[in-house]
Amino acid sequence: MSSLRVVGGSVDVTVVDGVVAPGVHEGPAYDASGLTVLPGLIDLQVNGAAGIDLTLEPTRLWEVAAALPTYGVTAFLPTIITSSPAARSAALETLAAGPPAGWAGAWPLGLHFEGPMIAPARKGAHPAAWLVPPSAELVAGWSREAGVAMVTIAPELRGALDVISTLASAGVVVAVGHTEASAEQVAAAVDRGARSLTHLGNAMPALAGRAPGPVGAGLADPRLVAGVIADGHHLHPITLAAWARALGPARLLAVTDCTAALGMPDGPSRLGDQAVVVREGTVRLEDGTLAGSAASLPACLRVLRSTTGWSLDDVVGCCTSVAADLVGDTSRGRLSAGARGDLTIVDDDLDVVATVVGGRLLHGSLEGER
């Protein structure tokens, strides 16, 4: 029996054989005095990290996963943007093969296919050459069991509603995104099983008085969780504050949309088969289009906390319990007995001091084992 105890912080937590256990057990105890112990952070939109782009190099998925505990992430959705079928197949095969011997890192909860069934006019940084219309043939075999956890789709496209029904019945979380849909078309998608919106306010029409569109639908429909990139670049602070007030902590999903630029210096990088430029915290195509982010999840939480004035518990819930519940994995995102032994330990500024995944300390250190 393996165990790990974290004591002296905001809460005392004991992890036995990979799960949170009640009571006190034998084993090393790490002193977290003056620190806050959080459930492990979960990022449902990770395009890459540490110089690795998952669409361009899907077979390097486990390397990206190994890099993420540095940023407090203990579980995530590797995200493949609009690309060749070969990229999606390689990602599925790599996920199914499992990690290499001796590997340790954040656990991939399944793949997020962001595209290719998206609106050409709202493709953002997605390459137009790989866009395809929704079809039963395209999504044949896409299921949660096969490793597809989430699919982003534009519901106004011909055939999209039937595809949404198919995916939802296969256990896939369907997200509305990269879309020109009306509010009524979003509602129709939700009626068919869509449950989320991908990066609210980006790659979709703005909210207008007589045309609420996907933003209005997302804010108003209690059935939807809205993904938000709170990196300080994708949304104006007033916009973020207004939307947070409308959504509340229970329906706001904090994601990074991070790319290969995470952890890398400014300069050239990649998003799929496209060149991007990292400069002063932004990632953009050469024409200036935003192309994901270079932000860590704790950095986004700092922006969210300062913008909304929410409590730390509410802010952290946006990438722990909200994320876990959306993908149907309620063993994560909380510190209750029986939950996964995933912990992110931070200081008052939300800088990551240590990350524990399944009861193993994978990043950082804690003062004075005792």
Protein backbone atom coordinates (compact mmCIF):
# COMPACT_ATOMS: atom_id res chain seq x y z
CA MET A 1 0.00 0.00 0.00
CA SER A 2 1.43 3.39 -1.03
CA SER A 3 0.42 6.59 0.71
CA LEU A 4 1.22 10.27 0.73
CA ARG A 5 0.09 12.91 3.20
CA VAL A 6 0.01 16.66 2.71
CA VAL A 7 -0.39 18.45 6.03
CA GLY A 8 -0.32 21.95 7.43
CA GLY A 9 -1.82 23.64 4.37
CA SER A 10 -5.36 24.89 3.82
CA VAL A 11 -6.53 21.28 4.27
CA ASP A 12 -4.81 18.04 5.26
CA VAL A 13 -5.09 15.37 2.57
CA THR A 14 -4.08 11.73 2.66
CA VAL A 15 -3.79 9.77 -0.57
CA VAL A 16 -3.67 5.98 -0.33
CA ASP A 17 -3.13 3.85 -3.43
CA GLY A 18 -3.96 6.77 -5.67
CA VAL A 19 -7.20 7.94 -4.03
CA VAL A 20 -8.07 10.39 -1.29
CA ALA A 21 -8.58 8.50 1.96
CA PRO A 22 -10.12 9.54 5.27
CA GLY A 23 -8.08 9.48 8.45
CA VAL A 24 -4.36 9.27 9.03
CA HIS A 25 -2.16 6.63 7.44
CA GLU A 26 1.48 5.67 7.48
CA GLY A 27 3.74 7.14 4.87
CA PRO A 28 5.65 10.30 4.09
CA ALA A 29 4.01 13.54 5.15
CA TYR A 30 4.82 16.74 3.31
CA ASP A 31 4.54 20.11 5.02
CA ALA A 32 2.34 22.55 3.08
CA SER A 33 2.29 25.24 5.75
CA GLY A 34 1.19 28.59 4.32
CA LEU A 35 0.03 26.99 1.07
CA THR A 36 -3.36 26.18 -0.44
CA VAL A 37 -4.14 22.59 -1.39
CA LEU A 38 -6.47 22.39 -4.38
CA PRO A 39 -7.96 19.52 -6.35
CA GLY A 40 -5.80 18.80 -9.37
CA LEU A 41 -6.44 21.29 -12.17
CA ILE A 42 -8.12 20.02 -15.35
CA ASP A 43 -7.70 21.70 -18.75
CA LEU A 44 -10.17 20.61 -21.44
CA GLN A 45 -8.46 22.46 -24.31
CA VAL A 46 -4.75 21.77 -24.72
CA ASN A 47 -3.33 22.08 -28.24
CA GLY A 48 0.21 21.49 -27.08
CA ALA A 49 2.94 22.59 -24.69
CA ALA A 50 6.71 22.74 -24.29
CA GLY A 51 7.30 23.29 -28.00
CA ILE A 52 5.13 20.34 -29.08
CA ASP A 53 2.00 20.83 -31.21
CA LEU A 54 -0.41 17.92 -30.88
CA THR A 55 -2.01 18.35 -34.29
CA LEU A 56 1.34 18.45 -36.05
CA GLU A 57 2.91 15.72 -33.87
CA PRO A 58 0.08 13.68 -32.30
CA THR A 59 2.41 10.80 -31.45
CA ARG A 60 4.09 13.08 -28.88
CA LEU A 61 0.93 13.26 -26.76
CA TRP A 62 2.58 11.64 -23.75
CA GLU A 63 5.43 14.18 -23.84
CA VAL A 64 2.93 17.02 -23.61
CA ALA A 65 1.18 15.18 -20.78
CA ALA A 66 4.48 14.87 -18.91
CA ALA A 67 5.06 18.63 -19.18
CA LEU A 68 1.70 19.75 -17.81
CA PRO A 69 2.18 19.07 -14.05
CA THR A 70 4.68 21.95 -14.10
CA TYR A 71 1.62 24.16 -14.57
CA GLY A 72 -0.53 22.41 -11.97
CA VAL A 73 -2.50 20.38 -14.52
CA THR A 74 -3.26 16.80 -13.50
CA ALA A 75 -5.71 15.82 -16.26
CA PHE A 76 -6.55 17.28 -19.67
CA LEU A 77 -8.07 16.85 -23.12
CA PRO A 78 -5.42 16.75 -25.85
CA THR A 79 -6.95 18.90 -28.59
CA ILE A 80 -6.59 18.23 -32.31
CA ILE A 81 -7.69 21.15 -34.44
CA THR A 82 -9.05 20.97 -37.99
CA SER A 83 -6.54 18.81 -39.81
CA SER A 84 -6.01 15.70 -41.89
CA PRO A 85 -7.76 12.46 -40.95
CA ALA A 86 -4.29 11.01 -40.42
CA ALA A 87 -3.63 13.40 -37.54
CA ARG A 88 -6.82 12.35 -35.75
CA SER A 89 -6.09 8.67 -36.34
CA ALA A 90 -2.54 9.00 -35.04
CA ALA A 91 -3.78 10.77 -31.92
CA LEU A 92 -6.34 8.04 -31.25
CA GLU A 93 -3.76 5.32 -31.77
CA THR A 94 -1.27 7.04 -29.47
CA LEU A 95 -3.89 7.47 -26.76
CA ALA A 96 -5.06 3.86 -27.07
CA ALA A 97 -1.49 2.53 -26.88
CA GLY A 98 -1.06 4.11 -23.46
CA PRO A 99 1.99 5.77 -21.95
CA PRO A 100 5.53 4.50 -22.41
CA ALA A 101 7.27 2.63 -19.62
CA GLY A 102 8.25 4.82 -16.71
CA TRP A 103 6.03 7.68 -17.84
CA ALA A 104 4.47 10.10 -15.35
CA GLY A 105 2.34 13.14 -16.05
CA ALA A 106 -1.14 14.62 -16.38
CA TRP A 107 -3.68 12.05 -17.48
CA PRO A 108 -5.41 12.49 -20.86
CA LEU A 109 -9.15 12.01 -20.41
CA GLY A 110 -9.78 11.50 -24.12
CA LEU A 111 -9.30 13.63 -27.20
CA HIS A 112 -10.98 16.90 -28.08
CA PHE A 113 -11.53 17.19 -31.84
CA GLU A 114 -11.97 20.92 -32.39
CA GLY A 115 -13.22 20.72 -35.96
CA PRO A 116 -13.17 19.92 -38.81
CA MET A 117 -16.98 20.47 -38.92
CA ILE A 118 -16.87 24.22 -38.33
CA ALA A 119 -18.08 27.33 -40.17
CA PRO A 120 -15.65 28.59 -42.82
CA ALA A 121 -16.42 32.21 -41.91
CA ARG A 122 -15.55 31.52 -38.26
CA LYS A 123 -12.60 29.18 -38.73
CA GLY A 124 -10.25 31.51 -36.87
CA ALA A 125 -6.79 29.94 -36.99
CA HIS A 126 -8.05 26.62 -38.38
CA PRO A 127 -6.77 25.81 -41.89
CA ALA A 128 -9.53 26.14 -44.49
CA ALA A 129 -8.17 23.28 -46.60
CA TRP A 130 -9.21 20.68 -44.02
CA LEU A 131 -12.74 21.91 -43.28
CA VAL A 132 -15.42 19.31 -44.08
CA PRO A 133 -19.21 19.22 -43.68
CA PRO A 134 -20.77 17.08 -40.97
CA SER A 135 -21.54 13.52 -41.97
CA ALA A 136 -22.22 10.14 -40.44
CA GLU A 137 -19.24 8.76 -42.35
CA LEU A 138 -16.83 11.27 -40.82
CA VAL A 139 -17.79 10.47 -37.22
CA ALA A 140 -18.17 6.72 -37.65
CA GLY A 141 -16.33 5.16 -34.73
CA TRP A 142 -16.03 8.41 -32.76
CA SER A 143 -17.11 7.50 -29.25
CA ARG A 144 -16.06 8.00 -25.68
CA GLU A 145 -15.06 4.35 -25.55
CA ALA A 146 -12.81 4.86 -28.59
CA GLY A 147 -11.11 7.83 -26.93
CA VAL A 148 -13.07 10.81 -28.27
CA ALA A 149 -14.20 12.85 -25.27
CA MET A 150 -15.29 16.11 -26.92
CA VAL A 151 -16.07 17.42 -30.40
CA THR A 152 -16.52 21.08 -31.33
CA ILE A 153 -18.99 21.62 -34.19
CA ALA A 154 -20.92 24.43 -35.85
CA PRO A 155 -24.58 23.38 -35.50
CA GLU A 156 -25.88 25.50 -38.40
CA LEU A 157 -24.05 23.36 -40.95
CA ARG A 158 -26.19 20.98 -42.98
CA GLY A 159 -26.29 17.59 -41.29
CA ALA A 160 -24.83 18.88 -38.02
CA LEU A 161 -27.85 18.16 -35.83
CA ASP A 162 -27.90 14.49 -36.79
CA VAL A 163 -24.16 14.25 -36.12
CA ILE A 164 -24.65 15.90 -32.73
CA SER A 165 -27.26 13.28 -31.84
CA THR A 166 -24.92 10.49 -32.95
CA LEU A 167 -21.99 11.81 -30.94
CA ALA A 168 -24.03 12.49 -27.83
CA SER A 169 -25.45 8.99 -27.89
CA ALA A 170 -21.86 7.69 -28.11
CA GLY A 171 -20.93 9.47 -24.90
CA VAL A 172 -19.07 12.33 -26.55
CA VAL A 173 -19.40 15.85 -25.10
CA VAL A 174 -20.56 18.03 -27.99
CA ALA A 175 -19.48 21.67 -27.88
CA VAL A 176 -20.79 24.45 -30.10
CA GLY A 177 -17.97 26.55 -31.51
CA HIS A 178 -16.37 28.20 -34.54
CA THR A 179 -19.90 28.97 -35.55
CA GLU A 180 -22.28 31.54 -37.02
CA ALA A 181 -25.31 29.90 -35.45
CA SER A 182 -28.34 31.82 -34.31
CA ALA A 183 -29.56 31.38 -30.76
CA GLU A 184 -32.33 29.18 -32.12
CA GLN A 185 -29.83 26.95 -33.91
CA VAL A 186 -27.78 26.63 -30.72
CA ALA A 187 -30.95 25.67 -28.82
CA ALA A 188 -31.66 23.01 -31.44
CA ALA A 189 -28.16 21.64 -30.91
CA VAL A 190 -28.68 21.53 -27.17
CA ASP A 191 -31.97 19.69 -27.70
CA ARG A 192 -29.95 17.09 -29.63
CA GLY A 193 -27.37 16.73 -26.86
CA ALA A 194 -24.81 19.57 -27.11
CA ARG A 195 -23.65 20.58 -23.64
CA SER A 196 -20.94 23.20 -24.01
CA LEU A 197 -19.56 26.12 -25.99
CA THR A 198 -15.95 26.32 -27.10
CA HIS A 199 -14.14 29.56 -26.12
CA LEU A 200 -17.19 31.77 -25.68
CA GLY A 201 -16.88 35.04 -27.58
CA ASN A 202 -14.11 33.86 -29.89
CA ALA A 203 -14.77 32.54 -33.41
CA MET A 204 -18.47 33.42 -33.17
CA PRO A 205 -20.67 36.50 -33.69
CA ALA A 206 -20.85 39.10 -30.96
CA LEU A 207 -23.95 39.40 -28.80
CA ALA A 208 -26.36 41.97 -30.26
CA GLY A 209 -29.67 43.36 -29.07
CA ARG A 210 -31.83 41.54 -31.61
CA ALA A 211 -29.36 38.82 -32.56
CA PRO A 212 -28.20 37.03 -29.41
CA GLY A 213 -26.39 34.33 -31.36
CA PRO A 214 -24.29 31.68 -29.62
CA VAL A 215 -23.08 34.10 -26.94
CA GLY A 216 -26.61 34.99 -25.87
CA ALA A 217 -27.66 31.36 -26.05
CA GLY A 218 -24.74 30.31 -23.90
CA LEU A 219 -25.36 32.95 -21.28
CA ALA A 220 -29.09 32.27 -21.09
CA ASP A 221 -29.41 28.49 -21.41
CA PRO A 222 -28.83 26.74 -18.05
CA ARG A 223 -28.14 23.48 -19.89
CA LEU A 224 -24.87 24.83 -21.29
CA VAL A 225 -21.39 25.17 -19.82
CA ALA A 226 -19.30 27.87 -21.49
CA GLY A 227 -15.58 27.49 -22.03
CA VAL A 228 -13.72 30.77 -21.47
CA ILE A 229 -10.11 31.70 -22.22
CA ALA A 230 -9.29 34.14 -19.42
CA ASP A 231 -5.73 34.84 -20.52
CA GLY A 232 -6.11 38.63 -20.63
CA HIS A 233 -6.01 38.67 -24.44
CA HIS A 234 -9.00 36.72 -25.77
CA LEU A 235 -11.61 38.71 -23.82
CA HIS A 236 -11.83 42.27 -22.56
CA PRO A 237 -11.93 42.35 -18.73
CA ILE A 238 -15.38 43.98 -18.72
CA THR A 239 -16.68 41.32 -21.09
CA LEU A 240 -15.25 38.58 -18.90
CA ALA A 241 -16.74 40.13 -15.77
CA ALA A 242 -20.19 40.50 -17.36
CA TRP A 243 -20.23 36.97 -18.67
CA ALA A 244 -18.99 35.54 -15.39
CA ARG A 245 -21.84 37.28 -13.60
CA ALA A 246 -24.34 35.78 -16.06
CA LEU A 247 -22.88 32.27 -16.02
CA GLY A 248 -21.92 31.97 -12.38
CA PRO A 249 -19.18 29.62 -11.19
CA ALA A 250 -21.24 26.53 -11.95
CA ARG A 251 -21.38 27.15 -15.72
CA LEU A 252 -18.06 28.82 -16.47
CA LEU A 253 -15.37 26.43 -17.65
CA ALA A 254 -11.85 27.87 -17.49
CA VAL A 255 -9.61 26.59 -20.30
CA THR A 256 -6.29 27.78 -21.66
CA ASP A 257 -6.45 26.79 -25.35
CA CYS A 258 -2.70 26.59 -24.84
CA THR A 259 -0.42 25.72 -27.71
CA ALA A 260 3.14 24.57 -28.21
CA ALA A 261 4.05 28.06 -27.00
CA LEU A 262 3.30 27.20 -23.36
CA GLY A 263 6.61 27.36 -21.52
CA MET A 264 8.51 28.62 -24.55
CA PRO A 265 10.09 32.02 -25.28
CA ASP A 266 8.66 34.53 -27.73
CA GLY A 267 9.33 33.76 -31.36
CA PRO A 268 8.11 31.44 -34.11
CA SER A 269 5.98 28.43 -33.24
CA ARG A 270 3.39 26.13 -34.83
CA LEU A 271 -0.32 25.44 -34.66
CA GLY A 272 -0.94 22.35 -36.72
CA ASP A 273 0.67 22.85 -40.11
CA GLN A 274 0.59 26.64 -39.75
CA ALA A 275 3.31 29.05 -38.67
CA VAL A 276 2.43 31.27 -35.70
CA VAL A 277 4.26 33.99 -33.82
CA VAL A 278 4.44 34.19 -30.02
CA ARG A 279 4.78 37.75 -28.81
CA GLU A 280 4.07 39.36 -25.42
CA GLY A 281 1.78 36.58 -24.25
CA THR A 282 -0.20 36.15 -27.47
CA VAL A 283 -0.06 33.50 -30.19
CA ARG A 284 -1.09 34.71 -33.63
CA LEU A 285 -1.03 33.70 -37.26
CA GLU A 286 1.15 35.88 -39.45
CA ASP A 287 -1.96 37.90 -40.40
CA GLY A 288 -2.62 38.72 -36.72
CA THR A 289 -5.41 36.20 -36.05
CA LEU A 290 -5.33 34.84 -32.51
CA ALA A 291 -4.23 31.21 -32.64
CA GLY A 292 -4.67 29.76 -29.17
CA SER A 293 -2.70 30.95 -26.17
CA ALA A 294 0.60 30.70 -24.37
CA ALA A 295 -1.09 30.87 -20.96
CA SER A 296 -0.99 28.42 -18.09
CA LEU A 297 -4.15 27.49 -16.24
CA PRO A 298 -3.05 29.20 -12.99
CA ALA A 299 -2.39 32.39 -14.98
CA CYS A 300 -5.94 32.24 -16.33
CA LEU A 301 -7.27 31.70 -12.80
CA ARG A 302 -5.43 34.80 -11.64
CA VAL A 303 -7.12 36.85 -14.36
CA LEU A 304 -10.50 35.31 -13.58
CA ARG A 305 -10.16 36.00 -9.85
CA SER A 306 -9.03 39.60 -10.28
CA THR A 307 -11.72 40.32 -12.87
CA THR A 308 -14.68 38.74 -11.11
CA GLY A 309 -13.87 39.13 -7.44
CA TRP A 310 -14.97 35.53 -6.93
CA SER A 311 -13.65 33.46 -4.08
CA LEU A 312 -10.71 31.16 -4.69
CA ASP A 313 -13.02 28.14 -4.33
CA ASP A 314 -15.36 29.46 -7.02
CA VAL A 315 -12.54 30.32 -9.41
CA VAL A 316 -10.77 26.99 -8.96
CA GLY A 317 -14.04 25.12 -9.38
CA CYS A 318 -14.16 26.39 -12.97
CA CYS A 319 -11.28 24.06 -13.91
CA THR A 320 -11.81 21.28 -11.38
CA SER A 321 -15.37 20.22 -10.54
CA VAL A 322 -16.95 21.99 -13.54
CA ALA A 323 -14.47 20.37 -15.93
CA ALA A 324 -14.72 16.94 -14.32
CA ASP A 325 -18.51 16.99 -14.30
CA LEU A 326 -18.69 18.07 -17.95
CA VAL A 327 -16.68 15.06 -19.10
CA GLY A 328 -18.47 12.75 -16.67
CA ASP A 329 -15.48 11.94 -14.45
CA THR A 330 -16.66 12.86 -10.97
CA SER A 331 -13.73 11.03 -9.38
CA ARG A 332 -11.67 14.12 -10.25
CA GLY A 333 -11.97 17.78 -9.44
CA ARG A 334 -12.61 17.41 -5.72
CA LEU A 335 -10.83 16.38 -2.53
CA SER A 336 -13.52 14.19 -0.98
CA ALA A 337 -12.78 10.65 0.21
CA GLY A 338 -12.66 8.26 -2.73
CA ALA A 339 -11.67 10.93 -5.25
CA ARG A 340 -8.55 10.61 -7.36
CA GLY A 341 -5.43 11.61 -5.46
CA ASP A 342 -4.68 14.57 -7.72
CA LEU A 343 -3.55 17.75 -5.93
CA THR A 344 -2.31 21.14 -7.05
CA ILE A 345 -0.60 23.08 -4.26
CA VAL A 346 -0.25 26.82 -4.73
CA ASP A 347 0.88 29.93 -2.90
CA ASP A 348 -1.18 33.05 -2.36
CA ASP A 349 -0.43 34.26 -5.90
CA LEU A 350 -1.60 30.94 -7.41
CA ASP A 351 1.93 30.04 -8.40
CA VAL A 352 2.29 26.26 -8.46
CA VAL A 353 4.51 24.93 -5.68
CA ALA A 354 3.82 21.22 -6.17
CA THR A 355 1.64 18.89 -8.24
CA VAL A 356 0.54 15.43 -7.17
CA VAL A 357 -1.01 13.01 -9.67
CA GLY A 358 -2.50 9.77 -8.36
CA GLY A 359 -0.61 10.17 -5.10
CA ARG A 360 2.77 10.79 -6.75
CA LEU A 361 4.62 14.07 -6.38
CA LEU A 362 5.44 14.92 -10.00
CA HIS A 363 6.42 18.55 -9.80
CA GLY A 364 7.95 20.84 -7.25
CA SER A 365 8.71 20.15 -3.65
CA LEU A 366 7.19 20.64 -0.25
CA GLU A 367 9.18 21.84 2.72
CA GLY A 368 10.44 19.33 5.23
CA GLU A 369 9.16 15.81 4.75
CA ARG A 370 8.08 14.81 8.21
